[in-house]
N, C-alpha and C. Protein backbone atom coordinates (compact mmCIF):
# COMPACT_ATOMS: atom_id res chain seq x y z
N MET A 1 17.64 37.48 -22.64
CA MET A 1 16.59 37.65 -21.66
C MET A 1 15.52 36.59 -21.92
N SER A 2 15.17 35.86 -20.89
CA SER A 2 14.14 34.83 -21.04
C SER A 2 12.84 35.32 -20.44
N ILE A 3 11.77 34.88 -21.05
CA ILE A 3 10.44 35.27 -20.58
C ILE A 3 9.92 34.14 -19.70
N PRO A 4 9.57 34.45 -18.44
CA PRO A 4 9.06 33.40 -17.56
C PRO A 4 7.71 32.89 -18.08
N ILE A 5 7.52 31.59 -17.99
CA ILE A 5 6.27 30.96 -18.41
C ILE A 5 5.50 30.57 -17.17
N SER A 6 4.31 31.10 -17.05
CA SER A 6 3.49 30.76 -15.90
C SER A 6 2.70 29.49 -16.21
N THR A 7 2.26 28.81 -15.17
CA THR A 7 1.47 27.59 -15.37
C THR A 7 0.13 27.91 -16.01
N GLU A 8 -0.36 29.16 -15.83
CA GLU A 8 -1.63 29.54 -16.42
C GLU A 8 -1.54 29.58 -17.95
N SER A 9 -0.37 29.99 -18.50
CA SER A 9 -0.23 30.08 -19.94
C SER A 9 -0.01 28.72 -20.59
N GLN A 10 0.30 27.71 -19.81
CA GLN A 10 0.54 26.39 -20.36
C GLN A 10 -0.76 25.65 -20.65
N GLY A 11 -1.85 26.02 -20.04
CA GLY A 11 -3.13 25.37 -20.28
C GLY A 11 -3.19 24.00 -19.63
N THR A 12 -4.20 23.23 -20.05
CA THR A 12 -4.37 21.89 -19.50
C THR A 12 -3.47 20.90 -20.23
N SER A 13 -3.37 19.73 -19.69
CA SER A 13 -2.55 18.68 -20.28
C SER A 13 -3.08 18.29 -21.65
N THR A 14 -2.17 18.02 -22.57
CA THR A 14 -2.56 17.54 -23.90
C THR A 14 -2.81 16.04 -23.92
N ARG A 15 -2.39 15.34 -22.88
CA ARG A 15 -2.48 13.88 -22.86
C ARG A 15 -3.89 13.35 -23.12
N PRO A 16 -4.95 13.83 -22.43
CA PRO A 16 -6.28 13.26 -22.70
C PRO A 16 -6.74 13.51 -24.14
N TYR A 17 -6.36 14.63 -24.71
CA TYR A 17 -6.75 14.95 -26.09
C TYR A 17 -6.03 14.04 -27.08
N LEU A 18 -4.75 13.78 -26.83
CA LEU A 18 -3.99 12.88 -27.70
C LEU A 18 -4.50 11.44 -27.58
N ILE A 19 -4.86 11.03 -26.38
CA ILE A 19 -5.41 9.68 -26.18
C ILE A 19 -6.71 9.53 -26.96
N ARG A 20 -7.59 10.52 -26.85
CA ARG A 20 -8.86 10.46 -27.59
C ARG A 20 -8.62 10.46 -29.09
N ALA A 21 -7.69 11.29 -29.56
CA ALA A 21 -7.40 11.37 -30.99
C ALA A 21 -6.85 10.03 -31.52
N LEU A 22 -5.92 9.43 -30.80
CA LEU A 22 -5.36 8.15 -31.24
C LEU A 22 -6.38 7.02 -31.12
N HIS A 23 -7.25 7.08 -30.12
CA HIS A 23 -8.32 6.10 -30.01
C HIS A 23 -9.24 6.21 -31.22
N ASP A 24 -9.61 7.44 -31.59
CA ASP A 24 -10.44 7.65 -32.78
C ASP A 24 -9.74 7.17 -34.04
N TRP A 25 -8.45 7.46 -34.17
CA TRP A 25 -7.69 7.03 -35.34
C TRP A 25 -7.70 5.51 -35.45
N CYS A 26 -7.43 4.83 -34.33
CA CYS A 26 -7.45 3.36 -34.33
C CYS A 26 -8.82 2.85 -34.77
N THR A 27 -9.86 3.38 -34.18
CA THR A 27 -11.22 2.93 -34.47
C THR A 27 -11.59 3.19 -35.93
N ASP A 28 -11.28 4.39 -36.43
CA ASP A 28 -11.60 4.74 -37.82
C ASP A 28 -10.89 3.85 -38.83
N ASN A 29 -9.71 3.33 -38.46
CA ASN A 29 -8.93 2.51 -39.38
C ASN A 29 -9.08 1.01 -39.12
N GLY A 30 -10.00 0.64 -38.24
CA GLY A 30 -10.24 -0.78 -37.97
C GLY A 30 -9.19 -1.43 -37.10
N PHE A 31 -8.40 -0.63 -36.37
CA PHE A 31 -7.38 -1.16 -35.47
C PHE A 31 -7.93 -1.27 -34.05
N THR A 32 -7.26 -2.06 -33.22
CA THR A 32 -7.65 -2.24 -31.83
C THR A 32 -6.78 -1.35 -30.94
N PRO A 33 -7.37 -0.35 -30.27
CA PRO A 33 -6.57 0.53 -29.42
C PRO A 33 -6.24 -0.14 -28.08
N TYR A 34 -4.96 -0.12 -27.73
CA TYR A 34 -4.49 -0.65 -26.46
C TYR A 34 -3.89 0.48 -25.65
N LEU A 35 -4.14 0.44 -24.33
CA LEU A 35 -3.52 1.39 -23.41
C LEU A 35 -2.53 0.64 -22.53
N ALA A 36 -1.32 1.16 -22.40
CA ALA A 36 -0.37 0.67 -21.40
C ALA A 36 -0.49 1.63 -20.22
N VAL A 37 -0.76 1.08 -19.03
CA VAL A 37 -1.06 1.89 -17.85
C VAL A 37 -0.09 1.55 -16.72
N HIS A 38 0.49 2.58 -16.13
CA HIS A 38 1.29 2.41 -14.92
C HIS A 38 0.32 2.27 -13.75
N VAL A 39 0.44 1.19 -12.99
CA VAL A 39 -0.52 0.90 -11.92
C VAL A 39 0.08 1.25 -10.56
N ASP A 40 -0.70 2.02 -9.81
CA ASP A 40 -0.43 2.25 -8.39
C ASP A 40 -1.78 2.26 -7.67
N GLU A 41 -1.82 2.76 -6.45
CA GLU A 41 -3.05 2.68 -5.67
C GLU A 41 -4.19 3.52 -6.23
N SER A 42 -3.91 4.47 -7.12
CA SER A 42 -4.96 5.32 -7.69
C SER A 42 -5.64 4.70 -8.91
N VAL A 43 -5.13 3.58 -9.39
CA VAL A 43 -5.66 2.92 -10.58
C VAL A 43 -6.55 1.76 -10.15
N ASP A 44 -7.77 1.72 -10.69
CA ASP A 44 -8.72 0.66 -10.34
C ASP A 44 -8.81 -0.34 -11.49
N VAL A 45 -7.97 -1.38 -11.41
CA VAL A 45 -7.93 -2.47 -12.39
C VAL A 45 -7.80 -3.78 -11.62
N PRO A 46 -8.10 -4.92 -12.25
CA PRO A 46 -7.91 -6.21 -11.57
C PRO A 46 -6.42 -6.43 -11.29
N ARG A 47 -6.06 -6.45 -10.03
CA ARG A 47 -4.65 -6.55 -9.63
C ARG A 47 -4.00 -7.87 -10.07
N GLU A 48 -4.80 -8.92 -10.26
CA GLU A 48 -4.21 -10.20 -10.64
C GLU A 48 -3.63 -10.19 -12.05
N TYR A 49 -3.94 -9.17 -12.85
CA TYR A 49 -3.41 -9.07 -14.20
C TYR A 49 -2.32 -8.02 -14.33
N VAL A 50 -1.88 -7.45 -13.23
CA VAL A 50 -0.84 -6.44 -13.23
C VAL A 50 0.52 -7.12 -13.11
N LYS A 51 1.43 -6.72 -13.98
CA LYS A 51 2.81 -7.24 -13.92
C LYS A 51 3.76 -6.05 -13.96
N ASN A 52 4.74 -6.06 -13.09
CA ASN A 52 5.73 -4.98 -13.03
C ASN A 52 5.06 -3.61 -12.95
N ASN A 53 4.00 -3.52 -12.16
CA ASN A 53 3.24 -2.28 -11.97
C ASN A 53 2.67 -1.74 -13.28
N GLU A 54 2.34 -2.63 -14.22
CA GLU A 54 1.75 -2.21 -15.48
C GLU A 54 0.69 -3.20 -15.93
N ILE A 55 -0.29 -2.66 -16.64
CA ILE A 55 -1.31 -3.49 -17.27
C ILE A 55 -1.55 -2.90 -18.66
N VAL A 56 -1.79 -3.77 -19.62
CA VAL A 56 -2.13 -3.35 -20.98
C VAL A 56 -3.59 -3.69 -21.19
N LEU A 57 -4.38 -2.68 -21.56
CA LEU A 57 -5.83 -2.83 -21.68
C LEU A 57 -6.30 -2.61 -23.11
N ASN A 58 -7.18 -3.49 -23.57
CA ASN A 58 -7.85 -3.32 -24.85
C ASN A 58 -8.99 -2.34 -24.61
N VAL A 59 -8.94 -1.16 -25.21
CA VAL A 59 -9.99 -0.17 -25.01
C VAL A 59 -10.82 0.03 -26.27
N GLY A 60 -10.88 -1.01 -27.09
CA GLY A 60 -11.74 -0.97 -28.26
C GLY A 60 -13.20 -1.07 -27.83
N PHE A 61 -14.09 -0.57 -28.66
CA PHE A 61 -15.51 -0.58 -28.31
C PHE A 61 -16.05 -2.00 -28.16
N GLU A 62 -15.45 -2.97 -28.87
CA GLU A 62 -15.91 -4.35 -28.76
C GLU A 62 -15.53 -4.99 -27.43
N ALA A 63 -14.48 -4.49 -26.78
CA ALA A 63 -14.00 -5.08 -25.53
C ALA A 63 -14.47 -4.32 -24.30
N THR A 64 -15.11 -3.16 -24.50
CA THR A 64 -15.50 -2.33 -23.36
C THR A 64 -16.99 -2.01 -23.42
N SER A 65 -17.50 -1.58 -22.29
CA SER A 65 -18.87 -1.09 -22.20
C SER A 65 -18.83 0.23 -21.44
N GLY A 66 -19.52 1.22 -21.97
CA GLY A 66 -19.58 2.52 -21.29
C GLY A 66 -18.25 3.24 -21.25
N LEU A 67 -17.46 3.15 -22.30
CA LEU A 67 -16.14 3.78 -22.34
C LEU A 67 -16.26 5.30 -22.28
N GLU A 68 -15.60 5.90 -21.30
CA GLU A 68 -15.54 7.36 -21.14
C GLU A 68 -14.08 7.78 -21.13
N LEU A 69 -13.65 8.48 -22.15
CA LEU A 69 -12.28 8.98 -22.24
C LEU A 69 -12.28 10.44 -21.78
N GLY A 70 -12.28 10.65 -20.47
CA GLY A 70 -12.37 11.99 -19.90
C GLY A 70 -11.03 12.68 -19.80
N ASN A 71 -11.05 13.92 -19.32
CA ASN A 71 -9.81 14.68 -19.14
C ASN A 71 -9.02 14.24 -17.92
N GLU A 72 -9.69 13.69 -16.92
CA GLU A 72 -9.02 13.25 -15.69
C GLU A 72 -8.93 11.74 -15.57
N PHE A 73 -9.99 11.03 -16.00
CA PHE A 73 -10.04 9.58 -15.86
C PHE A 73 -10.54 8.92 -17.14
N ILE A 74 -10.08 7.69 -17.36
CA ILE A 74 -10.62 6.81 -18.39
C ILE A 74 -11.37 5.74 -17.63
N GLU A 75 -12.67 5.62 -17.91
CA GLU A 75 -13.51 4.67 -17.17
C GLU A 75 -14.31 3.82 -18.13
N PHE A 76 -14.46 2.54 -17.79
CA PHE A 76 -15.25 1.62 -18.60
C PHE A 76 -15.46 0.33 -17.83
N LYS A 77 -16.26 -0.54 -18.40
CA LYS A 77 -16.43 -1.89 -17.88
C LYS A 77 -15.84 -2.84 -18.91
N ALA A 78 -15.20 -3.90 -18.42
CA ALA A 78 -14.61 -4.91 -19.30
C ALA A 78 -14.64 -6.25 -18.60
N ARG A 79 -14.55 -7.31 -19.38
CA ARG A 79 -14.56 -8.66 -18.83
C ARG A 79 -13.13 -9.17 -18.70
N PHE A 80 -12.82 -9.69 -17.55
CA PHE A 80 -11.52 -10.31 -17.26
C PHE A 80 -11.80 -11.71 -16.79
N GLY A 81 -11.35 -12.69 -17.53
CA GLY A 81 -11.62 -14.08 -17.15
C GLY A 81 -13.12 -14.36 -17.07
N GLY A 82 -13.92 -13.69 -17.91
CA GLY A 82 -15.36 -13.91 -17.93
C GLY A 82 -16.13 -13.12 -16.90
N VAL A 83 -15.46 -12.32 -16.08
CA VAL A 83 -16.12 -11.55 -15.03
C VAL A 83 -16.06 -10.07 -15.39
N ALA A 84 -17.23 -9.40 -15.40
CA ALA A 84 -17.30 -7.97 -15.69
C ALA A 84 -16.69 -7.18 -14.54
N ARG A 85 -15.81 -6.23 -14.87
CA ARG A 85 -15.13 -5.41 -13.87
C ARG A 85 -15.22 -3.94 -14.26
N ASP A 86 -15.32 -3.08 -13.25
CA ASP A 86 -15.27 -1.63 -13.47
C ASP A 86 -13.80 -1.22 -13.47
N ILE A 87 -13.40 -0.46 -14.47
CA ILE A 87 -12.03 -0.01 -14.63
C ILE A 87 -12.00 1.51 -14.56
N SER A 88 -11.05 2.05 -13.81
CA SER A 88 -10.86 3.49 -13.71
C SER A 88 -9.36 3.77 -13.69
N VAL A 89 -8.92 4.56 -14.67
CA VAL A 89 -7.50 4.86 -14.83
C VAL A 89 -7.32 6.37 -14.89
N PRO A 90 -6.52 6.95 -14.00
CA PRO A 90 -6.20 8.37 -14.14
C PRO A 90 -5.46 8.58 -15.46
N VAL A 91 -5.82 9.61 -16.20
CA VAL A 91 -5.21 9.86 -17.51
C VAL A 91 -3.70 9.98 -17.40
N ASP A 92 -3.19 10.57 -16.32
CA ASP A 92 -1.74 10.74 -16.21
C ASP A 92 -1.00 9.43 -15.95
N HIS A 93 -1.72 8.32 -15.78
CA HIS A 93 -1.09 7.01 -15.61
C HIS A 93 -1.02 6.22 -16.91
N VAL A 94 -1.58 6.76 -17.99
CA VAL A 94 -1.46 6.13 -19.29
C VAL A 94 -0.05 6.43 -19.81
N VAL A 95 0.74 5.38 -20.04
CA VAL A 95 2.10 5.57 -20.52
C VAL A 95 2.22 5.33 -22.03
N ALA A 96 1.18 4.75 -22.66
CA ALA A 96 1.18 4.59 -24.11
C ALA A 96 -0.22 4.24 -24.59
N ILE A 97 -0.51 4.64 -25.83
CA ILE A 97 -1.69 4.18 -26.54
C ILE A 97 -1.19 3.80 -27.93
N TYR A 98 -1.61 2.61 -28.39
CA TYR A 98 -1.10 2.13 -29.67
C TYR A 98 -2.10 1.16 -30.30
N ALA A 99 -1.95 0.95 -31.59
CA ALA A 99 -2.77 0.00 -32.32
C ALA A 99 -2.15 -1.38 -32.21
N ARG A 100 -2.93 -2.36 -31.78
CA ARG A 100 -2.43 -3.72 -31.63
C ARG A 100 -1.89 -4.27 -32.94
N GLU A 101 -2.55 -3.97 -34.02
CA GLU A 101 -2.23 -4.60 -35.30
C GLU A 101 -0.91 -4.15 -35.91
N ASN A 102 -0.51 -2.90 -35.68
CA ASN A 102 0.72 -2.42 -36.31
C ASN A 102 1.68 -1.70 -35.35
N GLY A 103 1.29 -1.56 -34.09
CA GLY A 103 2.18 -0.96 -33.09
C GLY A 103 2.28 0.56 -33.17
N GLN A 104 1.58 1.19 -34.10
CA GLN A 104 1.66 2.64 -34.20
C GLN A 104 0.90 3.28 -33.04
N GLY A 105 1.51 4.30 -32.46
CA GLY A 105 0.88 4.97 -31.34
C GLY A 105 1.79 6.01 -30.75
N MET A 106 1.59 6.28 -29.48
CA MET A 106 2.34 7.31 -28.80
C MET A 106 2.61 6.91 -27.36
N ALA A 107 3.82 7.22 -26.89
CA ALA A 107 4.19 6.98 -25.50
C ALA A 107 4.18 8.30 -24.75
N PHE A 108 3.92 8.23 -23.46
CA PHE A 108 3.86 9.42 -22.61
C PHE A 108 4.80 9.23 -21.42
N PRO A 109 5.19 10.32 -20.76
CA PRO A 109 6.03 10.21 -19.57
C PRO A 109 5.31 9.44 -18.46
N MET A 110 6.10 8.78 -17.63
CA MET A 110 5.55 8.08 -16.48
C MET A 110 4.94 9.11 -15.52
N PRO A 111 3.92 8.69 -14.74
CA PRO A 111 3.34 9.63 -13.77
C PRO A 111 4.33 9.91 -12.65
N PRO A 112 4.12 11.01 -11.94
CA PRO A 112 4.98 11.30 -10.79
C PRO A 112 4.88 10.16 -9.77
N VAL A 113 6.02 9.80 -9.19
CA VAL A 113 6.05 8.69 -8.25
C VAL A 113 5.97 9.21 -6.83
N ALA A 114 4.95 8.72 -6.09
CA ALA A 114 4.79 9.12 -4.69
C ALA A 114 5.83 8.45 -3.81
N GLY A 115 6.12 7.18 -4.09
CA GLY A 115 7.12 6.42 -3.34
C GLY A 115 7.97 5.65 -4.31
N THR A 116 8.93 4.92 -3.82
CA THR A 116 9.76 4.12 -4.70
C THR A 116 9.53 2.65 -4.43
N GLY A 117 9.95 1.83 -5.37
CA GLY A 117 9.81 0.38 -5.21
C GLY A 117 8.44 -0.08 -5.61
N PRO A 118 8.18 -1.39 -5.49
CA PRO A 118 6.89 -1.93 -5.88
C PRO A 118 5.78 -1.36 -5.01
N SER A 119 4.64 -1.07 -5.64
CA SER A 119 3.51 -0.55 -4.88
C SER A 119 2.45 -1.62 -4.71
N MET A 120 1.60 -1.46 -3.75
CA MET A 120 0.43 -2.29 -3.49
C MET A 120 0.77 -3.75 -3.25
N GLY A 121 2.01 -4.09 -3.01
CA GLY A 121 2.35 -5.48 -2.77
C GLY A 121 2.18 -6.35 -3.99
N LEU A 122 2.34 -5.78 -5.19
CA LEU A 122 2.21 -6.57 -6.40
C LEU A 122 3.38 -7.53 -6.51
N ASP A 123 3.11 -8.74 -6.93
CA ASP A 123 4.14 -9.74 -7.10
C ASP A 123 4.66 -9.64 -8.52
N GLU A 124 5.87 -9.07 -8.67
CA GLU A 124 6.41 -8.83 -10.00
C GLU A 124 6.90 -10.10 -10.68
N ASP A 125 7.14 -11.16 -9.96
CA ASP A 125 7.64 -12.39 -10.57
C ASP A 125 6.54 -13.39 -10.87
N ARG A 126 5.29 -13.03 -10.65
CA ARG A 126 4.17 -13.92 -10.81
C ARG A 126 3.98 -14.27 -12.28
N GLN A 127 3.60 -15.50 -12.57
CA GLN A 127 3.32 -15.94 -13.92
C GLN A 127 1.84 -16.22 -14.06
N ASP A 128 1.20 -15.64 -15.07
CA ASP A 128 -0.21 -15.88 -15.33
C ASP A 128 -0.35 -17.00 -16.36
N SER A 129 -1.53 -17.60 -16.37
CA SER A 129 -1.79 -18.62 -17.38
C SER A 129 -2.08 -17.99 -18.73
N GLY A 130 -2.41 -16.71 -18.76
CA GLY A 130 -2.66 -16.02 -20.02
C GLY A 130 -3.32 -14.68 -19.76
N PRO A 131 -3.35 -13.84 -20.78
CA PRO A 131 -3.96 -12.52 -20.59
C PRO A 131 -5.46 -12.61 -20.56
N PRO A 132 -6.13 -11.66 -19.86
CA PRO A 132 -7.57 -11.64 -19.83
C PRO A 132 -8.13 -11.16 -21.16
N ALA A 133 -9.43 -11.30 -21.33
CA ALA A 133 -10.07 -10.90 -22.58
C ALA A 133 -9.86 -9.42 -22.86
N ALA A 134 -9.90 -8.58 -21.84
CA ALA A 134 -9.78 -7.14 -22.06
C ALA A 134 -8.33 -6.68 -22.04
N ALA A 135 -7.42 -7.55 -21.72
CA ALA A 135 -6.02 -7.17 -21.70
C ALA A 135 -5.36 -7.57 -23.01
N SER A 136 -4.08 -7.27 -23.10
CA SER A 136 -3.36 -7.46 -24.34
C SER A 136 -3.19 -8.92 -24.73
N SER A 137 -3.30 -9.19 -26.01
CA SER A 137 -2.86 -10.45 -26.59
C SER A 137 -2.31 -10.10 -27.96
N SER A 138 -1.01 -9.91 -28.05
CA SER A 138 -0.37 -9.33 -29.22
C SER A 138 -0.11 -10.34 -30.33
N ARG A 139 -0.99 -11.28 -30.55
CA ARG A 139 -0.79 -12.27 -31.60
C ARG A 139 -0.73 -11.57 -32.95
N GLY A 140 0.35 -11.80 -33.69
CA GLY A 140 0.49 -11.27 -35.02
C GLY A 140 0.88 -9.81 -35.08
N ALA A 141 0.95 -9.12 -33.96
CA ALA A 141 1.31 -7.71 -33.96
C ALA A 141 2.80 -7.57 -33.74
N PRO A 142 3.39 -6.48 -34.22
CA PRO A 142 4.81 -6.26 -33.96
C PRO A 142 5.07 -6.14 -32.47
N ARG A 143 6.23 -6.60 -32.06
CA ARG A 143 6.58 -6.46 -30.65
C ARG A 143 7.00 -5.03 -30.39
N LEU A 144 6.69 -4.54 -29.20
CA LEU A 144 7.07 -3.19 -28.81
C LEU A 144 8.11 -3.27 -27.72
N ALA A 145 9.14 -2.48 -27.85
CA ALA A 145 10.19 -2.47 -26.84
C ALA A 145 9.67 -1.79 -25.59
N ALA A 146 10.43 -1.92 -24.52
CA ALA A 146 10.04 -1.33 -23.24
C ALA A 146 9.99 0.18 -23.33
N ILE A 147 9.14 0.76 -22.51
CA ILE A 147 9.06 2.20 -22.38
C ILE A 147 9.78 2.54 -21.10
N SER A 148 10.86 3.25 -21.20
CA SER A 148 11.69 3.53 -20.04
C SER A 148 11.47 4.94 -19.56
N SER A 149 11.42 5.10 -18.25
CA SER A 149 11.26 6.43 -17.66
C SER A 149 12.58 6.98 -17.18
N GLY A 150 13.66 6.24 -17.35
CA GLY A 150 14.94 6.70 -16.87
C GLY A 150 15.22 6.27 -15.44
N ARG A 151 14.24 5.68 -14.77
CA ARG A 151 14.44 5.19 -13.41
C ARG A 151 14.91 3.76 -13.49
N SER A 152 15.06 3.13 -12.35
CA SER A 152 15.51 1.75 -12.30
C SER A 152 14.63 0.86 -13.17
N GLU A 153 15.24 0.19 -14.15
CA GLU A 153 14.47 -0.62 -15.08
C GLU A 153 13.96 -1.90 -14.44
N SER A 154 14.54 -2.32 -13.33
CA SER A 154 14.10 -3.58 -12.73
C SER A 154 12.70 -3.49 -12.12
N SER A 155 12.33 -2.32 -11.58
CA SER A 155 11.01 -2.24 -10.96
C SER A 155 10.10 -1.20 -11.58
N ASP A 156 10.65 -0.21 -12.29
CA ASP A 156 9.81 0.87 -12.77
C ASP A 156 9.58 0.85 -14.28
N ALA A 157 10.26 -0.01 -15.02
CA ALA A 157 10.08 0.00 -16.47
C ALA A 157 8.69 -0.50 -16.81
N ALA A 158 8.09 0.11 -17.81
CA ALA A 158 6.77 -0.29 -18.26
C ALA A 158 6.94 -1.16 -19.48
N ALA A 159 6.74 -2.45 -19.34
CA ALA A 159 6.97 -3.37 -20.46
C ALA A 159 5.65 -3.71 -21.13
N LEU A 160 5.65 -3.62 -22.45
CA LEU A 160 4.48 -4.04 -23.21
C LEU A 160 4.62 -5.52 -23.51
N THR A 161 3.52 -6.16 -23.82
CA THR A 161 3.56 -7.59 -24.01
C THR A 161 4.10 -7.97 -25.38
N GLY A 162 4.74 -9.13 -25.44
CA GLY A 162 5.26 -9.67 -26.68
C GLY A 162 4.28 -10.63 -27.30
N PRO A 163 4.68 -11.32 -28.36
CA PRO A 163 3.76 -12.19 -29.07
C PRO A 163 3.26 -13.36 -28.24
N ASP A 164 3.98 -13.73 -27.19
CA ASP A 164 3.55 -14.84 -26.35
C ASP A 164 2.66 -14.37 -25.19
N GLY A 165 2.34 -13.06 -25.13
CA GLY A 165 1.48 -12.53 -24.08
C GLY A 165 2.23 -12.18 -22.81
N GLU A 166 3.53 -12.45 -22.77
CA GLU A 166 4.34 -12.14 -21.60
C GLU A 166 5.00 -10.78 -21.78
N PRO A 167 5.28 -10.05 -20.68
CA PRO A 167 5.93 -8.75 -20.80
C PRO A 167 7.31 -8.89 -21.43
N GLU A 168 7.65 -7.92 -22.26
CA GLU A 168 8.97 -7.88 -22.87
C GLU A 168 9.92 -7.18 -21.89
N PRO A 169 11.02 -7.82 -21.49
CA PRO A 169 11.97 -7.14 -20.61
C PRO A 169 12.72 -6.08 -21.38
N PRO A 170 13.14 -5.00 -20.69
CA PRO A 170 13.91 -3.98 -21.39
C PRO A 170 15.25 -4.54 -21.81
N GLY A 171 15.68 -4.22 -23.00
CA GLY A 171 16.96 -4.69 -23.51
C GLY A 171 18.09 -3.83 -23.00
N PRO A 172 19.33 -4.26 -23.25
CA PRO A 172 20.47 -3.49 -22.78
C PRO A 172 20.58 -2.15 -23.48
N ASP A 173 19.95 -2.02 -24.66
CA ASP A 173 20.03 -0.77 -25.38
C ASP A 173 18.80 0.10 -25.16
N ALA A 174 17.99 -0.22 -24.15
CA ALA A 174 16.80 0.58 -23.86
C ALA A 174 17.24 1.97 -23.43
N PRO A 175 16.72 3.02 -24.09
CA PRO A 175 17.16 4.37 -23.77
C PRO A 175 16.67 4.83 -22.41
N ALA A 176 17.50 5.63 -21.78
CA ALA A 176 17.10 6.22 -20.50
C ALA A 176 16.56 7.61 -20.78
N GLY A 177 15.85 8.17 -19.85
CA GLY A 177 15.33 9.52 -20.02
C GLY A 177 13.90 9.51 -20.50
N ARG A 178 13.62 10.27 -21.54
CA ARG A 178 12.28 10.43 -22.07
C ARG A 178 11.76 9.13 -22.66
N PRO A 179 10.51 8.75 -22.36
CA PRO A 179 9.97 7.50 -22.90
C PRO A 179 9.91 7.53 -24.42
N ALA A 180 10.09 6.36 -25.01
CA ALA A 180 9.99 6.23 -26.45
C ALA A 180 9.38 4.88 -26.79
N LEU A 181 8.55 4.86 -27.81
CA LEU A 181 7.92 3.63 -28.27
C LEU A 181 8.68 3.19 -29.50
N LYS A 182 9.28 2.02 -29.44
CA LYS A 182 10.11 1.53 -30.54
C LYS A 182 9.46 0.30 -31.13
N ARG A 183 9.27 0.29 -32.42
CA ARG A 183 8.68 -0.83 -33.12
C ARG A 183 9.75 -1.80 -33.55
N ILE A 184 9.58 -3.07 -33.21
CA ILE A 184 10.55 -4.10 -33.55
C ILE A 184 9.87 -5.09 -34.48
N LYS A 185 10.43 -5.31 -35.64
CA LYS A 185 9.81 -6.23 -36.61
C LYS A 185 10.30 -7.63 -36.41
């Protein structure tokens, strides 16, 4: 006999609490906290730095101003290419938080998808001259493998940046199903 679980007994999402805890851990240990964010129309970030519907953001206190790690949204100001921008990310769009210096962190499931295929007309094949000041630059940090949601890896995979600042494509052995953060030395 199974006991039905109501949504009321499940409580609120643990994701914002885990994000805050890992952000604190990174800060307390002198690491730089990075967020990997799935971007769609509900995410307010500079679109010119989005690749494959993802952006990696440096959310360290040195790179942000007015950082608010709320239960529904993560909001702050950051400089991209020397220009201050307001950033707003729904917490359920954070797919990973990790320390730049050693890759330790946590991955989360992809947000529910309203539609399929590329959103907002983002150009997935676009090449940037380099990452912005508030975005990832993984110099000297371990490379992180792709975070897979089990959907089509060509358009929905969330790739973290490699040592050259470019997104890492998912490998042939990238697991399907539940997201996982894999450290590659």
